[in-house]
């Protein structure tokens, strides 16, 4: 396939634009996947792991209900 100098430039620019478009779509999909599991209206973690040696005071669990 023989291309003129102008044709090669157009082809390279088109490939760069398509690559950037795919990259942008990939970042949008990754951002959407990260948000899927989030609970809105709640700050912090919705659960706490307590071990045998931990001390839990009554006020510590007030925000978890």
Foldseek 3Di string as FASTA:
>chain_A
DDDDPVRVVVVVVVVVVVVVVVVVVVVVVVVVVVCVPDDPPAPDDLDDDDDPPDDDDPVNCPSND
